[in-house]
Amino acid sequence: MASDDALEVYHGDRHVGRLYNAHPLRFEYAPAWLEHPAAVSLSPSLPLTQPTKGHGWHRSMI
């Protein structure tokens, strides 16, 4: 379910996850993305083995 404080993230037509507008920012991979055999992490700081991430990871993506 989408939220006004979240951005849905897609890779092509596949739902990758959701970026939450929280302090600090938080990203959560979609369960279907984590189970897909072709899934890749969006960044080395957002590994697939850690579905949620917060606290400063966004600095390394800028």
PDB file of N, CA and C in Angstrom:
ATOM      1  N   MET A   1       0.842  -1.175   0.000  1.00  0.00           N
ATOM      2  CA  MET A   1       0.000   0.000   0.000  1.00  0.00           C
ATOM      3  C   MET A   1       0.892   1.244   0.000  1.00  0.00           C
ATOM      4  N   ALA A   2       0.609   2.164  -0.873  1.00  0.00           N
ATOM      5  CA  ALA A   2       1.395   3.388  -0.990  1.00  0.00           C
ATOM      6  C   ALA A   2       1.020   4.374   0.117  1.00  0.00           C
ATOM      7  N   SER A   3       1.961   5.229   0.406  1.00  0.00           N
ATOM      8  CA  SER A   3       1.756   6.258   1.418  1.00  0.00           C
ATOM      9  C   SER A   3       2.136   7.601   0.817  1.00  0.00           C
ATOM     10  N   ASP A   4       1.540   8.677   1.330  1.00  0.00           N
ATOM     11  CA  ASP A   4       1.901  10.014   0.862  1.00  0.00           C
ATOM     12  C   ASP A   4       3.346  10.342   1.197  1.00  0.00           C
ATOM     13  N   ASP A   5       3.905   9.664   2.168  1.00  0.00           N
ATOM     14  CA  ASP A   5       5.274   9.912   2.598  1.00  0.00           C
ATOM     15  C   ASP A   5       6.238   8.856   2.096  1.00  0.00           C
ATOM     16  N   ALA A   6       5.912   8.226   0.972  1.00  0.00           N
ATOM     17  CA  ALA A   6       6.772   7.181   0.428  1.00  0.00           C
ATOM     18  C   ALA A   6       6.828   7.285  -1.089  1.00  0.00           C
ATOM     19  N   LEU A   7       7.959   6.866  -1.630  1.00  0.00           N
ATOM     20  CA  LEU A   7       8.167   6.838  -3.070  1.00  0.00           C
ATOM     21  C   LEU A   7       8.328   5.381  -3.490  1.00  0.00           C
ATOM     22  N   GLU A   8       7.492   4.933  -4.413  1.00  0.00           N
ATOM     23  CA  GLU A   8       7.596   3.575  -4.929  1.00  0.00           C
ATOM     24  C   GLU A   8       8.761   3.523  -5.915  1.00  0.00           C
ATOM     25  N   VAL A   9       9.604   2.505  -5.816  1.00  0.00           N
ATOM     26  CA  VAL A   9      10.795   2.375  -6.657  1.00  0.00           C
ATOM     27  C   VAL A   9      10.623   1.153  -7.556  1.00  0.00           C
ATOM     28  N   TYR A  10      10.844   1.353  -8.864  1.00  0.00           N
ATOM     29  CA  TYR A  10      10.709   0.283  -9.857  1.00  0.00           C
ATOM     30  C   TYR A  10      11.987   0.141 -10.657  1.00  0.00           C
ATOM     31  N   HIS A  11      12.246  -1.079 -11.109  1.00  0.00           N
ATOM     32  CA  HIS A  11      13.323  -1.380 -12.054  1.00  0.00           C
ATOM     33  C   HIS A  11      12.617  -1.973 -13.261  1.00  0.00           C
ATOM     34  N   GLY A  12      12.469  -1.163 -14.306  1.00  0.00           N
ATOM     35  CA  GLY A  12      11.617  -1.587 -15.415  1.00  0.00           C
ATOM     36  C   GLY A  12      10.192  -1.666 -14.917  1.00  0.00           C
ATOM     37  N   ASP A  13       9.568  -2.835 -15.088  1.00  0.00           N
ATOM     38  CA  ASP A  13       8.186  -3.002 -14.615  1.00  0.00           C
ATOM     39  C   ASP A  13       8.106  -3.738 -13.278  1.00  0.00           C
ATOM     40  N   ARG A  14       9.240  -3.985 -12.660  1.00  0.00           N
ATOM     41  CA  ARG A  14       9.261  -4.712 -11.381  1.00  0.00           C
ATOM     42  C   ARG A  14       9.360  -3.755 -10.196  1.00  0.00           C
ATOM     43  N   HIS A  15       8.511  -3.977  -9.229  1.00  0.00           N
ATOM     44  CA  HIS A  15       8.507  -3.173  -8.000  1.00  0.00           C
ATOM     45  C   HIS A  15       9.695  -3.597  -7.136  1.00  0.00           C
ATOM     46  N   VAL A  16      10.610  -2.667  -6.890  1.00  0.00           N
ATOM     47  CA  VAL A  16      11.814  -2.953  -6.109  1.00  0.00           C
ATOM     48  C   VAL A  16      11.579  -2.705  -4.624  1.00  0.00           C
ATOM     49  N   GLY A  17      10.889  -1.631  -4.317  1.00  0.00           N
ATOM     50  CA  GLY A  17      10.666  -1.328  -2.907  1.00  0.00           C
ATOM     51  C   GLY A  17      10.085   0.048  -2.718  1.00  0.00           C
ATOM     52  N   ARG A  18      10.273   0.560  -1.500  1.00  0.00           N
ATOM     53  CA  ARG A  18       9.664   1.831  -1.130  1.00  0.00           C
ATOM     54  C   ARG A  18      10.664   2.649  -0.333  1.00  0.00           C
ATOM     55  N   LEU A  19      10.802   3.922  -0.718  1.00  0.00           N
ATOM     56  CA  LEU A  19      11.635   4.880   0.004  1.00  0.00           C
ATOM     57  C   LEU A  19      10.713   5.734   0.852  1.00  0.00           C
ATOM     58  N   TYR A  20      10.909   5.685   2.161  1.00  0.00           N
ATOM     59  CA  TYR A  20      10.047   6.421   3.091  1.00  0.00           C
ATOM     60  C   TYR A  20      10.661   7.772   3.428  1.00  0.00           C
ATOM     61  N   ASN A  21       9.826   8.793   3.417  1.00  0.00           N
ATOM     62  CA  ASN A  21      10.241  10.133   3.781  1.00  0.00           C
ATOM     63  C   ASN A  21      10.164  10.251   5.300  1.00  0.00           C
ATOM     64  N   ALA A  22      11.148   9.695   5.945  1.00  0.00           N
ATOM     65  CA  ALA A  22      11.219   9.705   7.401  1.00  0.00           C
ATOM     66  C   ALA A  22      12.564  10.303   7.787  1.00  0.00           C
ATOM     67  N   HIS A  23      12.743  10.545   9.042  1.00  0.00           N
ATOM     68  CA  HIS A  23      14.038  11.050   9.491  1.00  0.00           C
ATOM     69  C   HIS A  23      14.642  10.027  10.435  1.00  0.00           C
ATOM     70  N   PRO A  24      15.685   9.319  10.025  1.00  0.00           N
ATOM     71  CA  PRO A  24      16.353   9.410   8.728  1.00  0.00           C
ATOM     72  C   PRO A  24      15.553   8.698   7.635  1.00  0.00           C
ATOM     73  N   LEU A  25      15.949   8.949   6.377  1.00  0.00           N
ATOM     74  CA  LEU A  25      15.303   8.260   5.259  1.00  0.00           C
ATOM     75  C   LEU A  25      15.390   6.755   5.484  1.00  0.00           C
ATOM     76  N   ARG A  26      14.400   6.033   4.951  1.00  0.00           N
ATOM     77  CA  ARG A  26      14.384   4.583   5.124  1.00  0.00           C
ATOM     78  C   ARG A  26      13.946   3.946   3.815  1.00  0.00           C
ATOM     79  N   PHE A  27      14.631   2.882   3.405  1.00  0.00           N
ATOM     80  CA  PHE A  27      14.265   2.135   2.213  1.00  0.00           C
ATOM     81  C   PHE A  27      13.953   0.704   2.608  1.00  0.00           C
ATOM     82  N   GLU A  28      12.895   0.164   1.981  1.00  0.00           N
ATOM     83  CA  GLU A  28      12.510  -1.216   2.236  1.00  0.00           C
ATOM     84  C   GLU A  28      12.299  -1.912   0.896  1.00  0.00           C
ATOM     85  N   TYR A  29      13.032  -3.023   0.671  1.00  0.00           N
ATOM     86  CA  TYR A  29      12.833  -3.812  -0.543  1.00  0.00           C
ATOM     87  C   TYR A  29      11.477  -4.508  -0.480  1.00  0.00           C
ATOM     88  N   ALA A  30      10.841  -4.635  -1.633  1.00  0.00           N
ATOM     89  CA  ALA A  30       9.580  -5.369  -1.741  1.00  0.00           C
ATOM     90  C   ALA A  30       9.877  -6.866  -1.610  1.00  0.00           C
ATOM     91  N   PRO A  31       9.033  -7.608  -0.901  1.00  0.00           N
ATOM     92  CA  PRO A  31       9.256  -9.051  -0.747  1.00  0.00           C
ATOM     93  C   PRO A  31       9.396  -9.775  -2.091  1.00  0.00           C
ATOM     94  N   ALA A  32       8.572  -9.416  -3.076  1.00  0.00           N
ATOM     95  CA  ALA A  32       8.659 -10.071  -4.390  1.00  0.00           C
ATOM     96  C   ALA A  32      10.007  -9.806  -5.054  1.00  0.00           C
ATOM     97  N   TRP A  33      10.576  -8.608  -4.843  1.00  0.00           N
ATOM     98  CA  TRP A  33      11.891  -8.283  -5.406  1.00  0.00           C
ATOM     99  C   TRP A  33      12.967  -9.158  -4.750  1.00  0.00           C
ATOM    100  N   LEU A  34      12.896  -9.303  -3.454  1.00  0.00           N
ATOM    101  CA  LEU A  34      13.890 -10.101  -2.738  1.00  0.00           C
ATOM    102  C   LEU A  34      13.859 -11.565  -3.164  1.00  0.00           C
ATOM    103  N   GLU A  35      12.699 -12.054  -3.566  1.00  0.00           N
ATOM    104  CA  GLU A  35      12.548 -13.449  -3.977  1.00  0.00           C
ATOM    105  C   GLU A  35      12.863 -13.671  -5.450  1.00  0.00           C
ATOM    106  N   HIS A  36      12.937 -12.626  -6.248  1.00  0.00           N
ATOM    107  CA  HIS A  36      13.159 -12.761  -7.687  1.00  0.00           C
ATOM    108  C   HIS A  36      14.604 -13.167  -7.968  1.00  0.00           C
ATOM    109  N   PRO A  37      14.815 -14.160  -8.852  1.00  0.00           N
ATOM    110  CA  PRO A  37      16.183 -14.633  -9.124  1.00  0.00           C
ATOM    111  C   PRO A  37      17.096 -13.582  -9.772  1.00  0.00           C
ATOM    112  N   ALA A  38      16.528 -12.590 -10.439  1.00  0.00           N
ATOM    113  CA  ALA A  38      17.351 -11.565 -11.099  1.00  0.00           C
ATOM    114  C   ALA A  38      17.486 -10.294 -10.253  1.00  0.00           C
ATOM    115  N   ALA A  39      17.060 -10.350  -8.992  1.00  0.00           N
ATOM    116  CA  ALA A  39      17.112  -9.165  -8.131  1.00  0.00           C
ATOM    117  C   ALA A  39      18.553  -8.730  -7.886  1.00  0.00           C
ATOM    118  N   VAL A  40      18.758  -7.434  -7.913  1.00  0.00           N
ATOM    119  CA  VAL A  40      20.061  -6.842  -7.599  1.00  0.00           C
ATOM    120  C   VAL A  40      19.829  -5.747  -6.559  1.00  0.00           C
ATOM    121  N   SER A  41      20.875  -5.436  -5.799  1.00  0.00           N
ATOM    122  CA  SER A  41      20.748  -4.351  -4.830  1.00  0.00           C
ATOM    123  C   SER A  41      20.832  -3.024  -5.570  1.00  0.00           C
ATOM    124  N   LEU A  42      20.197  -2.013  -5.037  1.00  0.00           N
ATOM    125  CA  LEU A  42      20.229  -0.688  -5.646  1.00  0.00           C
ATOM    126  C   LEU A  42      21.574  -0.013  -5.425  1.00  0.00           C
ATOM    127  N   SER A  43      22.270  -0.408  -4.382  1.00  0.00           N
ATOM    128  CA  SER A  43      23.530   0.214  -4.009  1.00  0.00           C
ATOM    129  C   SER A  43      24.276  -0.745  -3.093  1.00  0.00           C
ATOM    130  N   PRO A  44      25.607  -0.680  -3.068  1.00  0.00           N
ATOM    131  CA  PRO A  44      26.339  -1.507  -2.099  1.00  0.00           C
ATOM    132  C   PRO A  44      25.929  -1.208  -0.651  1.00  0.00           C
ATOM    133  N   SER A  45      25.445   0.005  -0.406  1.00  0.00           N
ATOM    134  CA  SER A  45      25.015   0.351   0.948  1.00  0.00           C
ATOM    135  C   SER A  45      23.596  -0.120   1.256  1.00  0.00           C
ATOM    136  N   LEU A  46      22.920  -0.739   0.257  1.00  0.00           N
ATOM    137  CA  LEU A  46      21.574  -1.282   0.447  1.00  0.00           C
ATOM    138  C   LEU A  46      21.544  -2.747   0.022  1.00  0.00           C
ATOM    139  N   PRO A  47      22.265  -3.610   0.724  1.00  0.00           N
ATOM    140  CA  PRO A  47      22.313  -5.023   0.309  1.00  0.00           C
ATOM    141  C   PRO A  47      20.950  -5.695   0.386  1.00  0.00           C
ATOM    142  N   LEU A  48      20.752  -6.683  -0.458  1.00  0.00           N
ATOM    143  CA  LEU A  48      19.486  -7.423  -0.471  1.00  0.00           C
ATOM    144  C   LEU A  48      19.264  -8.181   0.827  1.00  0.00           C
ATOM    145  N   THR A  49      20.312  -8.494   1.528  1.00  0.00           N
ATOM    146  CA  THR A  49      20.182  -9.256   2.768  1.00  0.00           C
ATOM    147  C   THR A  49      19.678  -8.399   3.915  1.00  0.00           C
ATOM    148  N   GLN A  50      19.598  -7.094   3.715  1.00  0.00           N
ATOM    149  CA  GLN A  50      19.117  -6.174   4.746  1.00  0.00           C
ATOM    150  C   GLN A  50      17.970  -5.368   4.153  1.00  0.00           C
ATOM    151  N   PRO A  51      16.711  -5.863   4.262  1.00  0.00           N
ATOM    152  CA  PRO A  51      15.596  -5.232   3.559  1.00  0.00           C
ATOM    153  C   PRO A  51      15.268  -3.808   3.962  1.00  0.00           C
ATOM    154  N   THR A  52      15.597  -3.384   5.167  1.00  0.00           N
ATOM    155  CA  THR A  52      15.333  -1.996   5.534  1.00  0.00           C
ATOM    156  C   THR A  52      16.641  -1.336   5.923  1.00  0.00           C
ATOM    157  N   LYS A  53      16.728  -0.068   5.646  1.00  0.00           N
ATOM    158  CA  LYS A  53      17.963   0.656   5.935  1.00  0.00           C
ATOM    159  C   LYS A  53      17.629   2.086   6.260  1.00  0.00           C
ATOM    160  N   GLY A  54      18.308   2.638   7.197  1.00  0.00           N
ATOM    161  CA  GLY A  54      18.149   4.031   7.552  1.00  0.00           C
ATOM    162  C   GLY A  54      19.478   4.588   8.022  1.00  0.00           C
ATOM    163  N   HIS A  55      19.465   5.761   8.589  1.00  0.00           N
ATOM    164  CA  HIS A  55      20.615   6.392   9.233  1.00  0.00           C
ATOM    165  C   HIS A  55      21.810   6.606   8.297  1.00  0.00           C
ATOM    166  N   GLY A  56      21.696   7.577   7.421  1.00  0.00           N
ATOM    167  CA  GLY A  56      22.854   8.032   6.683  1.00  0.00           C
ATOM    168  C   GLY A  56      23.197   7.327   5.392  1.00  0.00           C
ATOM    169  N   TRP A  57      22.529   6.244   5.040  1.00  0.00           N
ATOM    170  CA  TRP A  57      22.878   5.538   3.812  1.00  0.00           C
ATOM    171  C   TRP A  57      22.688   6.436   2.598  1.00  0.00           C
ATOM    172  N   HIS A  58      21.748   7.383   2.659  1.00  0.00           N
ATOM    173  CA  HIS A  58      21.450   8.241   1.516  1.00  0.00           C
ATOM    174  C   HIS A  58      22.638   9.117   1.154  1.00  0.00           C
ATOM    175  N   ARG A  59      23.501   9.426   2.091  1.00  0.00           N
ATOM    176  CA  ARG A  59      24.674  10.258   1.780  1.00  0.00           C
ATOM    177  C   ARG A  59      25.579   9.589   0.764  1.00  0.00           C
ATOM    178  N   SER A  60      25.693   8.264   0.815  1.00  0.00           N
ATOM    179  CA  SER A  60      26.562   7.560  -0.114  1.00  0.00           C
ATOM    180  C   SER A  60      25.936   7.426  -1.496  1.00  0.00           C
ATOM    181  N   MET A  61      24.641   7.721  -1.625  1.00  0.00           N
ATOM    182  CA  MET A  61      23.977   7.593  -2.918  1.00  0.00           C
ATOM    183  C   MET A  61      23.943   8.919  -3.674  1.00  0.00           C
ATOM    184  N   ILE A  62      24.300  10.014  -3.017  1.00  0.00           N
ATOM    185  CA  ILE A  62      24.248  11.333  -3.655  1.00  0.00           C
ATOM    186  C   ILE A  62      25.518  11.584  -4.428  1.00  0.00           C
TER     187      ILE A  62
END
